[in-house]
Protein backbone atom coordinates (compact mmCIF):
# COMPACT_ATOMS: atom_id res chain seq x y z
CA MET A 1 -238.66 -219.46 -72.27
CA GLU A 2 -237.95 -220.79 -75.98
CA ASN A 3 -236.50 -217.88 -78.17
CA MET A 4 -237.95 -217.65 -82.06
CA ASP A 5 -235.05 -215.42 -82.85
CA PRO A 6 -231.62 -216.65 -83.08
CA THR A 7 -230.50 -213.06 -82.53
CA SER A 8 -232.96 -211.25 -79.93
CA TYR A 9 -232.72 -212.17 -75.61
CA ASP A 10 -234.06 -211.15 -73.06
CA CYS A 11 -230.72 -210.59 -71.26
CA ALA A 12 -227.23 -210.77 -72.85
CA ILE A 13 -224.77 -211.49 -70.69
CA ILE A 14 -220.82 -210.13 -72.06
CA GLY A 15 -218.39 -213.07 -70.07
CA GLY A 16 -218.84 -215.98 -69.43
CA GLY A 17 -216.91 -216.66 -66.29
CA LEU A 18 -218.56 -217.61 -62.67
CA SER A 19 -220.96 -214.75 -61.66
CA GLY A 20 -222.34 -214.45 -65.64
CA LEU A 21 -222.77 -218.23 -65.46
CA CYS A 22 -224.65 -218.64 -62.33
CA LEU A 23 -226.98 -214.79 -63.52
CA SER A 24 -227.79 -217.07 -66.72
CA ILE A 25 -228.70 -219.68 -64.62
CA GLN A 26 -231.04 -217.30 -62.99
CA LEU A 27 -232.97 -216.10 -65.13
CA ALA A 28 -233.32 -218.75 -67.64
CA GLU A 29 -235.09 -220.86 -64.64
CA ALA A 30 -237.41 -217.47 -64.49
CA GLY A 31 -237.82 -218.14 -68.10
CA PHE A 32 -236.06 -215.30 -69.45
CA SER A 33 -234.23 -216.54 -72.98
CA VAL A 34 -230.63 -215.34 -72.56
CA VAL A 35 -227.04 -215.24 -74.53
CA VAL A 36 -223.58 -215.53 -72.56
CA PHE A 37 -221.12 -214.36 -74.90
CA GLU A 38 -217.67 -216.32 -73.86
CA LYS A 39 -214.43 -215.54 -75.65
CA ASN A 40 -212.71 -218.32 -74.58
CA ARG A 41 -214.09 -221.65 -75.01
CA TYR A 42 -214.91 -224.09 -71.95
CA PRO A 43 -213.30 -225.01 -70.30
CA PHE A 44 -210.12 -223.12 -69.50
CA HIS A 45 -207.83 -222.20 -66.28
CA LYS A 46 -207.81 -218.46 -64.57
CA VAL A 47 -205.45 -217.04 -62.54
CA CYS A 48 -207.58 -216.94 -59.42
CA GLY A 49 -207.13 -218.78 -55.37
CA GLU A 50 -209.66 -221.08 -55.96
CA TYR A 51 -210.22 -221.39 -52.73
CA ILE A 52 -213.96 -220.41 -52.12
CA SER A 53 -216.46 -219.92 -49.02
CA MET A 54 -218.66 -222.11 -47.18
CA GLU A 55 -221.97 -219.30 -47.33
CA SER A 56 -221.51 -220.03 -51.44
CA TRP A 57 -221.99 -224.12 -50.89
CA ASN A 58 -225.90 -223.73 -50.98
CA PHE A 59 -226.15 -221.33 -53.96
CA LEU A 60 -224.53 -223.92 -55.65
CA ASN A 61 -226.17 -227.03 -55.06
CA GLN A 62 -229.61 -224.89 -55.83
CA LEU A 63 -228.31 -223.71 -59.64
CA GLY A 64 -227.40 -228.01 -60.12
CA LEU A 65 -224.58 -228.37 -59.14
CA PRO A 66 -223.56 -231.63 -56.90
CA LEU A 67 -221.06 -230.84 -55.06
CA GLY A 68 -221.41 -233.09 -52.29
CA ASP A 69 -221.05 -236.14 -54.96
CA MET A 70 -217.97 -233.92 -56.57
CA ASP A 71 -215.44 -235.73 -53.13
CA LEU A 72 -213.90 -231.81 -52.84
CA PRO A 73 -211.27 -230.83 -50.10
CA VAL A 74 -213.18 -229.32 -47.04
CA ILE A 75 -210.66 -226.92 -46.31
CA ASP A 76 -211.05 -225.11 -42.01
CA GLN A 77 -208.02 -224.38 -41.02
CA LEU A 78 -205.20 -221.42 -42.04
CA GLY A 79 -201.63 -220.74 -41.62
CA ILE A 80 -200.43 -217.16 -43.14
CA SER A 81 -196.75 -217.13 -42.67
CA SER A 82 -194.53 -214.01 -42.68
CA GLN A 83 -191.02 -213.62 -44.01
CA ARG A 84 -189.17 -213.65 -41.41
CA GLY A 85 -190.37 -217.11 -41.01
CA PHE A 86 -192.77 -216.84 -39.05
CA MET A 87 -196.46 -218.84 -39.04
CA LEU A 88 -199.96 -217.45 -37.28
CA ASN A 89 -202.36 -221.06 -37.20
CA HIS A 90 -206.17 -220.74 -36.62
CA THR A 91 -209.13 -222.61 -37.16
CA LEU A 92 -211.78 -221.13 -39.46
CA LYS A 93 -214.94 -221.30 -38.24
CA MET A 94 -216.83 -220.88 -41.24
CA GLY A 95 -214.43 -222.87 -44.06
CA GLY A 96 -214.59 -223.12 -47.00
CA PHE A 97 -213.45 -224.89 -50.21
CA GLY A 98 -211.42 -225.76 -52.84
CA ILE A 99 -212.15 -226.01 -56.72
CA SER A 100 -210.46 -225.02 -59.76
CA ARG A 101 -212.05 -222.62 -62.04
CA PHE A 102 -211.04 -225.39 -64.90
CA THR A 103 -213.72 -227.85 -63.26
CA LEU A 104 -216.21 -225.13 -61.72
CA ASP A 105 -216.87 -223.17 -64.79
CA HIS A 106 -217.41 -225.92 -66.92
CA GLN A 107 -220.07 -227.41 -65.10
CA LEU A 108 -221.55 -224.47 -64.45
CA SER A 109 -221.49 -223.96 -68.46
CA SER A 110 -223.14 -226.76 -68.74
CA ILE A 111 -225.70 -226.32 -66.59
CA ALA A 112 -226.29 -223.26 -67.79
CA VAL A 113 -226.78 -224.55 -71.35
CA SER A 114 -229.47 -227.60 -69.99
CA LYS A 115 -231.45 -225.03 -69.03
CA GLY A 116 -231.46 -223.51 -72.11
CA VAL A 117 -229.17 -220.88 -72.21
CA ILE A 118 -227.24 -220.19 -75.39
CA ILE A 119 -223.46 -219.63 -74.85
CA LYS A 120 -220.92 -218.03 -77.79
CA GLU A 121 -218.35 -219.09 -77.03
CA ASN A 122 -214.71 -217.71 -79.12
CA CYS A 123 -216.90 -214.83 -79.18
CA ARG A 124 -216.13 -211.07 -78.21
CA VAL A 125 -218.39 -208.86 -77.76
CA THR A 126 -216.63 -205.37 -79.57
CA GLY A 127 -219.57 -203.06 -78.76
CA VAL A 128 -223.25 -202.32 -77.63
CA ARG A 129 -225.10 -199.55 -78.33
CA LYS A 130 -228.87 -198.95 -77.63
CA ALA A 131 -231.55 -199.44 -80.91
CA ASP A 132 -234.21 -197.94 -78.82
CA LYS A 133 -235.62 -197.18 -75.62
CA GLN A 134 -236.44 -200.74 -75.13
CA VAL A 135 -233.91 -203.22 -76.51
CA SER A 136 -229.12 -202.60 -77.17
CA GLU A 137 -227.77 -203.87 -80.04
CA ILE A 138 -224.63 -206.00 -79.11
CA ASP A 139 -222.22 -206.10 -81.95
CA SER A 140 -219.70 -209.39 -81.51
CA SER A 141 -217.32 -211.33 -83.42
CA CYS A 142 -219.87 -213.81 -84.17
CA GLY A 143 -222.30 -211.51 -84.92
CA THR A 144 -224.83 -208.88 -84.45
CA TYR A 145 -227.51 -209.02 -81.72
CA HIS A 146 -230.00 -207.80 -79.47
CA ALA A 147 -231.41 -208.12 -75.67
CA LYS A 148 -233.95 -206.02 -73.50
CA ILE A 149 -231.16 -206.27 -71.38
CA VAL A 150 -226.79 -206.13 -71.28
CA CYS A 151 -224.91 -207.59 -68.05
CA GLY A 152 -220.84 -207.12 -67.90
CA SER A 153 -219.50 -210.34 -65.79
CA TYR A 154 -216.28 -209.62 -68.49
CA GLY A 155 -213.55 -210.33 -64.86
CA LYS A 156 -211.53 -207.83 -64.25
CA TYR A 157 -210.62 -206.40 -67.61
CA THR A 158 -213.06 -203.69 -69.17
CA PRO A 159 -213.35 -204.10 -72.41
CA SER A 160 -212.50 -200.94 -74.78
CA PHE A 161 -215.56 -199.22 -75.23
CA LEU A 162 -216.11 -198.76 -72.14
CA GLN A 163 -213.11 -198.45 -70.26
CA SER A 164 -212.46 -195.49 -68.33
CA ALA A 165 -209.87 -193.97 -67.35
CA GLU A 166 -208.13 -195.19 -64.62
CA LEU A 167 -207.65 -198.85 -65.39
CA GLY A 168 -205.34 -201.09 -64.66
CA LYS A 169 -204.35 -198.44 -61.07
CA GLY A 170 -205.46 -200.15 -57.57
CA SER A 171 -206.70 -197.36 -54.93
CA ASP A 172 -203.05 -197.42 -54.14
CA GLY A 173 -201.89 -196.20 -57.28
CA MET A 174 -200.33 -199.70 -57.34
CA ASN A 175 -200.12 -201.91 -60.71
CA TYR A 176 -200.47 -205.60 -59.34
CA ILE A 177 -199.38 -209.16 -61.56
CA GLY A 178 -201.53 -212.48 -60.73
CA VAL A 179 -199.20 -215.58 -60.81
CA LYS A 180 -200.82 -219.16 -60.58
CA TYR A 181 -199.62 -222.48 -61.08
CA HIS A 182 -201.38 -226.45 -60.07
CA VAL A 183 -198.95 -228.02 -58.44
CA ARG A 184 -199.23 -231.62 -55.89
CA THR A 185 -197.14 -231.12 -52.76
CA ASP A 186 -197.23 -232.26 -48.92
CA LEU A 187 -200.05 -229.71 -47.87
CA PRO A 188 -202.86 -231.32 -45.15
CA THR A 189 -206.38 -231.17 -47.38
CA ASN A 190 -208.61 -228.94 -44.61
CA ARG A 191 -205.31 -226.59 -44.83
CA ILE A 192 -204.97 -223.60 -47.20
CA GLU A 193 -202.06 -221.24 -46.44
CA LEU A 194 -200.87 -217.57 -46.85
CA HIS A 195 -197.20 -216.68 -47.32
CA ASN A 196 -195.49 -213.12 -47.13
CA PHE A 197 -192.94 -211.89 -49.05
CA GLU A 198 -191.55 -208.68 -50.55
CA ASN A 199 -194.48 -206.34 -52.10
CA GLY A 200 -196.96 -209.30 -52.11
CA TYR A 201 -197.62 -212.47 -51.54
CA CYS A 202 -199.20 -216.15 -52.25
CA GLY A 203 -202.10 -218.16 -51.05
CA ILE A 204 -202.01 -222.08 -51.40
CA SER A 205 -204.84 -224.74 -50.48
CA LYS A 206 -206.60 -228.28 -52.35
CA VAL A 207 -208.98 -228.75 -55.41
CA ASP A 208 -210.42 -231.03 -57.15
CA ASN A 209 -208.19 -233.11 -59.54
CA ASP A 210 -205.33 -233.75 -56.73
CA TRP A 211 -204.17 -230.08 -57.17
CA GLN A 212 -203.17 -227.93 -55.14
CA CYS A 213 -203.33 -224.21 -56.38
CA LEU A 214 -200.72 -221.89 -56.08
CA CYS A 215 -201.25 -218.17 -56.88
CA TYR A 216 -199.40 -214.70 -55.33
CA LEU A 217 -200.02 -211.16 -56.05
CA THR A 218 -197.33 -209.27 -56.27
CA THR A 219 -196.75 -205.70 -57.32
CA ALA A 220 -195.23 -204.95 -61.53
CA ASN A 221 -192.08 -203.23 -60.44
CA ASN A 222 -191.29 -206.59 -58.41
CA LEU A 223 -191.65 -208.17 -61.55
CA ASN A 224 -189.18 -205.26 -63.42
CA LYS A 225 -186.25 -205.09 -61.30
CA ASN A 226 -186.20 -208.18 -61.52
CA SER A 227 -185.72 -208.60 -66.09
CA LYS A 228 -189.18 -209.21 -65.93
CA ASP A 229 -188.06 -212.62 -65.64
CA ILE A 230 -191.33 -214.57 -63.65
CA GLY A 231 -188.50 -217.27 -62.44
CA LEU A 232 -186.34 -214.49 -61.18
CA MET A 233 -188.35 -212.54 -59.54
CA GLU A 234 -189.46 -216.11 -57.55
CA ARG A 235 -185.93 -217.15 -56.10
CA ASN A 236 -184.71 -213.91 -56.23
CA VAL A 237 -187.72 -212.48 -53.39
CA LEU A 238 -189.92 -215.07 -52.68
CA PHE A 239 -187.57 -217.79 -52.20
CA LYS A 240 -186.47 -215.58 -49.10
CA ASN A 241 -190.50 -216.39 -47.36
CA PRO A 242 -188.30 -220.19 -46.58
CA PHE A 243 -192.26 -221.90 -46.74
CA LEU A 244 -192.51 -221.09 -50.38
CA LYS A 245 -188.59 -221.44 -51.12
CA LYS A 246 -189.99 -225.48 -49.87
CA TYR A 247 -193.18 -224.92 -51.36
CA PHE A 248 -191.27 -224.35 -54.84
CA THR A 249 -188.15 -225.77 -54.93
CA GLU A 250 -190.40 -229.19 -53.35
CA SER A 251 -193.38 -229.14 -55.33
CA GLU A 252 -194.16 -230.64 -58.94
CA PHE A 253 -195.66 -228.01 -60.99
CA LEU A 254 -198.12 -229.88 -63.09
CA THR A 255 -197.36 -226.79 -65.87
CA GLN A 256 -193.88 -225.15 -66.76
CA GLN A 257 -195.53 -222.26 -67.52
CA PRO A 258 -197.62 -219.74 -64.94
CA LEU A 259 -200.73 -218.46 -66.14
CA VAL A 260 -200.15 -214.51 -65.70
CA ILE A 261 -202.46 -211.60 -65.36
CA SER A 262 -201.38 -207.72 -65.15
CA ASN A 263 -202.67 -204.66 -64.70
CA VAL A 264 -205.48 -205.52 -61.35
CA SER A 265 -206.25 -203.09 -58.91
CA PHE A 266 -208.78 -203.75 -55.94
CA LYS A 267 -211.18 -201.54 -55.96
CA LYS A 268 -215.56 -201.02 -56.57
CA LYS A 269 -215.60 -200.24 -59.52
CA SER A 270 -218.93 -199.55 -60.55
CA THR A 271 -222.29 -201.34 -60.65
CA ASP A 272 -223.22 -200.47 -63.71
CA ASN A 273 -221.71 -198.63 -66.84
CA GLN A 274 -223.59 -196.46 -70.22
CA GLY A 275 -226.93 -198.23 -68.54
CA ILE A 276 -225.18 -201.58 -69.23
CA PHE A 277 -225.02 -204.08 -65.81
CA LEU A 278 -221.86 -204.78 -64.09
CA LEU A 279 -221.48 -207.85 -61.48
CA GLY A 280 -218.28 -210.44 -60.54
CA ASP A 281 -215.05 -208.04 -60.35
CA SER A 282 -216.53 -205.84 -63.53
CA ALA A 283 -217.98 -204.30 -60.43
CA GLY A 284 -215.14 -204.24 -57.50
CA SER A 285 -212.80 -206.98 -55.98
CA ILE A 286 -211.89 -207.67 -52.99
CA THR A 287 -208.63 -207.83 -52.12
CA PRO A 288 -206.66 -212.00 -52.81
CA LEU A 289 -206.12 -212.57 -48.97
CA CYS A 290 -209.53 -211.85 -48.38
CA GLY A 291 -210.28 -215.27 -50.32
CA ASN A 292 -213.63 -214.34 -51.33
CA GLY A 293 -214.13 -212.99 -54.89
CA MET A 294 -215.66 -216.11 -55.52
CA SER A 295 -218.74 -215.84 -53.49
CA MET A 296 -218.80 -212.13 -53.85
CA GLY A 297 -219.28 -212.57 -57.35
CA MET A 298 -221.59 -216.07 -57.42
CA ARG A 299 -223.76 -213.59 -54.11
CA ALA A 300 -224.32 -210.13 -56.72
CA SER A 301 -225.51 -212.77 -59.43
CA LYS A 302 -227.50 -213.26 -57.40
CA LEU A 303 -228.72 -210.28 -55.86
CA LEU A 304 -228.70 -208.63 -59.79
CA ALA A 305 -230.84 -212.13 -61.17
CA ALA A 306 -233.06 -210.70 -58.50
CA GLU A 307 -233.72 -207.46 -59.89
CA LEU A 308 -233.71 -208.00 -63.07
CA ILE A 309 -236.76 -210.30 -62.81
CA ALA A 310 -238.28 -207.95 -61.43
CA TYR A 311 -237.71 -205.88 -64.37
CA LEU A 312 -238.09 -208.27 -66.61
CA ASN A 313 -242.04 -208.89 -65.32
CA ASN A 314 -242.76 -205.41 -65.41
CA LYS A 315 -242.76 -204.67 -61.92
CA GLN A 316 -240.50 -201.84 -61.60
CA THR A 317 -238.62 -199.41 -63.55
CA LYS A 318 -235.36 -200.13 -65.48
CA GLU A 319 -233.81 -196.80 -63.29
CA GLN A 320 -234.95 -198.03 -60.35
CA THR A 321 -233.22 -201.58 -61.12
CA LEU A 322 -230.74 -199.59 -61.70
CA VAL A 323 -231.17 -197.82 -58.23
CA ASN A 324 -232.19 -200.63 -56.02
CA TYR A 325 -228.81 -203.23 -57.39
CA LYS A 326 -226.50 -200.29 -56.46
CA ARG A 327 -228.04 -200.23 -52.73
CA SER A 328 -227.97 -204.45 -52.76
CA TRP A 329 -224.83 -204.05 -54.15
CA ASP A 330 -223.12 -201.50 -51.26
CA LYS A 331 -224.91 -202.74 -48.44
CA ASN A 332 -223.29 -206.53 -48.78
CA PHE A 333 -219.57 -205.80 -50.60
CA GLY A 334 -219.26 -202.35 -49.50
CA ASN A 335 -217.56 -203.00 -46.43
CA ARG A 336 -216.05 -205.84 -46.73
CA ILE A 337 -214.30 -204.33 -50.33
CA LYS A 338 -213.06 -201.58 -47.28
CA VAL A 339 -211.45 -204.37 -44.90
CA GLY A 340 -209.46 -205.96 -47.68
CA TYR A 341 -207.99 -202.55 -48.75
CA TYR A 342 -206.50 -201.99 -44.98
CA LEU A 343 -205.91 -205.93 -44.80
CA GLN A 344 -203.20 -205.46 -47.88
CA TYR A 345 -201.70 -202.77 -46.17
CA LEU A 346 -200.28 -205.21 -43.64
CA PHE A 347 -199.53 -207.98 -45.66
CA GLY A 348 -196.29 -207.60 -48.21
CA LYS A 349 -193.87 -206.48 -46.16
CA ASN A 350 -191.08 -207.93 -43.44
CA ALA A 351 -191.62 -206.52 -40.57
CA THR A 352 -194.81 -205.14 -40.17
CA THR A 353 -196.34 -208.45 -41.65
CA ASP A 354 -193.91 -210.41 -38.61
CA LEU A 355 -195.15 -207.67 -35.69
CA ALA A 356 -198.45 -208.72 -36.90
CA LEU A 357 -198.79 -212.10 -37.23
CA ARG A 358 -196.95 -212.36 -33.28
CA VAL A 359 -199.58 -210.28 -32.02
CA LEU A 360 -202.57 -211.93 -33.99
CA SER A 361 -201.50 -215.70 -32.25
CA GLN A 362 -202.39 -214.13 -29.62
CA LEU A 363 -205.57 -213.27 -30.02
CA PRO A 364 -207.24 -215.71 -31.63
CA PRO A 365 -211.17 -213.93 -31.03
CA VAL A 366 -209.18 -210.72 -33.66
CA THR A 367 -208.16 -212.72 -35.80
CA SER A 368 -211.73 -214.78 -35.87
CA LYS A 369 -213.16 -211.70 -36.16
CA LEU A 370 -210.67 -210.25 -38.79
CA VAL A 371 -211.83 -213.33 -40.78
CA SER A 372 -215.20 -212.66 -40.37
CA LEU A 373 -215.45 -209.53 -41.93
CA THR A 374 -214.88 -210.67 -45.69
CA HIS A 375 -217.17 -213.61 -45.46
CA GLY A 376 -220.53 -213.76 -45.50
CA GLU A 377 -223.48 -214.85 -44.80
CA ARG A 378 -225.01 -218.32 -46.22
CA PHE A 379 -226.58 -217.34 -49.45
């Protein structure tokens, strides 16, 4: 739909990450005007494991991303190691594929623009308020805008004008950090590995550009105990796992400095905040060891798009839209996030993790079931 007023839209989306871009494309295809506010400029890197389960393959193709032409690694083998050097090997029934956020978000942003979405890059939203019963006013570093619907896809960090007192703490009260590198190393293209160390775990898998993504999660306490020096922490803590020591000492690191995020939490937050619809990590994060946060974000965009299209076509009220979206979100993701909580307790512990992996190695059906609980059906 052609938008005559460059400051007024049917939908405004705060954050141009994966779920926000997917939502914008779906709404634009349905004929609605959409503006996306992104504080960075594409393309850019993000701290993310960059493994996507096959449940999302068809959806991304439908949005216009030609995955079959991109020569992406298809991953169907899983390895999980303990700090003591034991490796559990398992075949993934559904499997997944690897693609960097540098490539994925940039490609989706181009598709969104081609569909008529307006993307405001290097633009930070500073406030949202009701202009009247039907329209919200959005203040940003690039001007003031109006929209019938406002959505939050701003990721793990809640903007200051929406922050809650619980920001920055996980369900267990821990404060986590995430660290990511791109490397080149000796790892089979079809394999993803998860390596445990004290109070953390590190994933590695192939993505595009002949890169491997090496990304780990640990507690801020681990970093503090090592003079807040990431390299020192890696040598003192991560290197105790022999597999990790090998990757860190024998891989080609494509950048000297990693990407780092702090104050990471894993919990269900809310599907709305002050009338703003939330999706992706803004609504709740699954623990990285489940490897499926990106698929959750994309599926949430599809669930929310259906409800917003009904609202914008005057087929339901905003109140009904909020209720329907929450119900749908809980149905699709509630159990997956709970499973993530429980699995988190098994990982990053020396003796407990080693024992759990040795038991699971003798029970392939149980391992398959645990993996399936963190995945959904194709959509």
